[in-house]
Amino acid sequence: MRAFLFVPATALLLALAPAPALAGPVENACNRSDRTAASRSLCRCIDHVARQTLTRSEQRRAARFFSNPDEAQSVRMSRSRADNEFWARYRAFGAAAERYCRT
């Protein structure tokens, strides 16, 4: 009888429990970076803004900038229309993150 009640009770608890938040690519890259100002809460905030302002593929591209700043410079200096459009969105993301994630 106890086992009969245990299974539905466990299923109910699992259904009502909040789902764990998965870190996005920007948060992961930020946490792995060697920047002294990076903290878990700041990286989480920056990732939140990235999710609101960048597509998933743009988030992955922006995350690479943490480990390879030269790539950011190449995109910034690029003459490609696609790179210029991405750079404009990336700058808007950076400005929004700066406003929203102030510590």
Protein backbone atom coordinates (compact mmCIF):
# COMPACT_ATOMS: atom_id res chain seq x y z
CA MET A 1 0.00 0.00 0.00
CA ARG A 2 2.85 2.42 0.82
CA ALA A 3 4.51 1.84 -2.54
CA PHE A 4 1.17 2.46 -4.22
CA LEU A 5 0.96 5.93 -2.61
CA PHE A 6 4.65 6.73 -2.94
CA VAL A 7 4.76 6.67 -6.76
CA PRO A 8 1.93 9.19 -7.35
CA ALA A 9 3.23 11.45 -4.57
CA THR A 10 6.72 11.45 -6.09
CA ALA A 11 5.33 12.14 -9.56
CA LEU A 12 3.32 15.07 -8.19
CA LEU A 13 6.37 16.55 -6.45
CA LEU A 14 8.46 16.25 -9.60
CA ALA A 15 5.74 17.89 -11.68
CA LEU A 16 5.43 20.83 -9.28
CA ALA A 17 9.16 21.33 -8.72
CA PRO A 18 10.68 24.22 -10.66
CA ALA A 19 12.74 23.17 -13.64
CA PRO A 20 16.44 23.88 -13.27
CA ALA A 21 17.59 26.79 -15.39
CA LEU A 22 20.09 25.80 -18.01
CA ALA A 23 22.94 28.16 -18.62
CA GLY A 24 23.13 29.59 -22.10
CA PRO A 25 26.27 29.84 -24.20
CA VAL A 26 27.01 33.41 -23.10
CA GLU A 27 26.70 32.53 -19.41
CA ASN A 28 28.93 29.48 -19.84
CA ALA A 29 31.57 31.48 -21.70
CA CYS A 30 31.40 34.29 -19.16
CA ASN A 31 31.83 31.88 -16.24
CA ARG A 32 34.81 30.21 -17.93
CA SER A 33 36.49 33.53 -18.74
CA ASP A 34 39.43 34.81 -16.74
CA ARG A 35 37.89 38.25 -16.23
CA THR A 36 38.15 39.33 -12.61
CA ALA A 37 34.81 41.18 -12.65
CA ALA A 38 32.93 38.08 -13.81
CA SER A 39 30.68 36.55 -11.17
CA ARG A 40 27.98 33.91 -11.48
CA SER A 41 25.23 36.46 -10.96
CA LEU A 42 26.70 38.91 -13.48
CA CYS A 43 27.20 36.16 -16.07
CA ARG A 44 23.63 34.96 -15.50
CA CYS A 45 22.35 38.51 -15.99
CA ILE A 46 24.35 39.00 -19.19
CA ASP A 47 23.05 35.69 -20.51
CA HIS A 48 19.49 36.76 -19.71
CA VAL A 49 19.94 39.90 -21.80
CA ALA A 50 21.55 37.87 -24.59
CA ARG A 51 18.52 35.58 -24.69
CA GLN A 52 16.28 38.64 -25.05
CA THR A 53 18.29 40.40 -27.76
CA LEU A 54 20.20 37.81 -29.80
CA THR A 55 19.19 34.68 -31.66
CA ARG A 56 20.56 31.37 -30.42
CA SER A 57 23.22 31.26 -33.15
CA GLU A 58 24.17 34.88 -32.40
CA GLN A 59 24.51 33.97 -28.72
CA ARG A 60 26.93 31.18 -29.63
CA ARG A 61 28.88 33.54 -31.86
CA ALA A 62 29.04 36.21 -29.14
CA ALA A 63 30.13 33.58 -26.59
CA ARG A 64 33.21 32.85 -28.70
CA PHE A 65 34.33 36.46 -28.16
CA PHE A 66 35.07 35.65 -24.50
CA SER A 67 37.80 33.20 -25.44
CA ASN A 68 38.84 34.83 -28.72
CA PRO A 69 38.64 38.64 -28.64
CA ASP A 70 40.41 38.76 -32.01
CA GLU A 71 37.29 37.23 -33.56
CA ALA A 72 35.25 40.16 -32.25
CA GLN A 73 37.73 42.55 -33.80
CA SER A 74 37.52 40.73 -37.13
CA VAL A 75 33.73 40.94 -37.12
CA ARG A 76 33.83 44.60 -36.17
CA MET A 77 36.23 45.41 -39.00
CA SER A 78 34.51 43.20 -41.56
CA ARG A 79 32.97 44.67 -44.71
CA SER A 80 30.39 41.91 -44.90
CA ARG A 81 26.81 43.10 -44.63
CA ALA A 82 25.91 40.09 -42.46
CA ASP A 83 28.82 40.82 -40.09
CA ASN A 84 27.88 44.50 -39.91
CA GLU A 85 24.26 43.63 -39.09
CA PHE A 86 25.39 41.16 -36.44
CA TRP A 87 27.78 43.74 -34.98
CA ALA A 88 24.96 46.27 -34.69
CA ARG A 89 22.83 43.73 -32.79
CA TYR A 90 25.82 42.73 -30.67
CA ARG A 91 26.47 46.37 -29.72
CA ALA A 92 22.80 46.81 -28.82
CA PHE A 93 23.04 43.67 -26.67
CA GLY A 94 26.17 45.03 -24.96
CA ALA A 95 24.52 48.37 -24.23
CA ALA A 96 21.41 46.66 -22.86
CA ALA A 97 23.50 44.32 -20.69
CA GLU A 98 25.47 47.27 -19.38
CA ARG A 99 22.26 49.09 -18.38
CA TYR A 100 20.44 46.05 -17.00
CA CYS A 101 23.28 44.24 -15.25
CA ARG A 102 24.91 47.07 -13.34
CA THR A 103 26.23 45.90 -10.03
